[in-house]
């Protein structure tokens, strides 16, 4: 997928401040991010001119303004993730001890819209906004299972079926076979298909108004043999949502 560099850099500036949590001069940003100073200064000037960055103290560096929060809050309020699904992710994390996430489709990807990360030292690290291939993950295939076959076929024509691992379904027929397998089992499963050493299960979430799935995933050493048990926990919690 083609990346528009200027847009990516603007968002990376925001992520940079989320890590730094204090003002920075354009020179510091350029050095920390490994960007040319000239283009960094232009980007900072543009963002400051639009009100997205300000100087808390004269010559003390720039920092994101509350405008980011105002816009993000307006967008979130217009299409909020139902509270019951946020509660579900945290409940599943507590019940299984593994990372649980709510996913939504974004083209040929599944994007995490809510994450409850495991507290265990060795775990699946995930953040809201992370995305995974929709065909090569249990979270993604749980979304595909809710789509009409014609809609899936359109997506397949856009996917570059990279074999990330020997277990990756690397063709439309292979994905459809996994969907049929999941329908028979009642849950979607994964085993190092995209991310090495991870295994998990996923299910589509009920409801006609939103296309969402829930996934529980962790290290193969803990989760591979527990997938059926984790699926039973998820199924039980989903029954309580209805």
Foldseek 3Di string as FASTA:
>chain_A
DDDDVLVVVLVVVVVVCVVVVDFDALVRVCVVVVHDSVVSVVSVVVCVVVPQWDDPDVVPHIDGDCVVVVVVVVVCVVPPDDPLVLVLQQVLCVVQLAKKFKWADDQQKTFTQHIDHHPDPAYDDDDHGDIDGLQQAQQNLLLVLPDDPVVVVVSQVVDQQDQQDPPGQRHPVSSVVQSVVCVVVVWHKHACRHPPQKIWIKHWADDDPGTMMMITMTGCVRPVVCHSVSSVVSVVSSVVVD
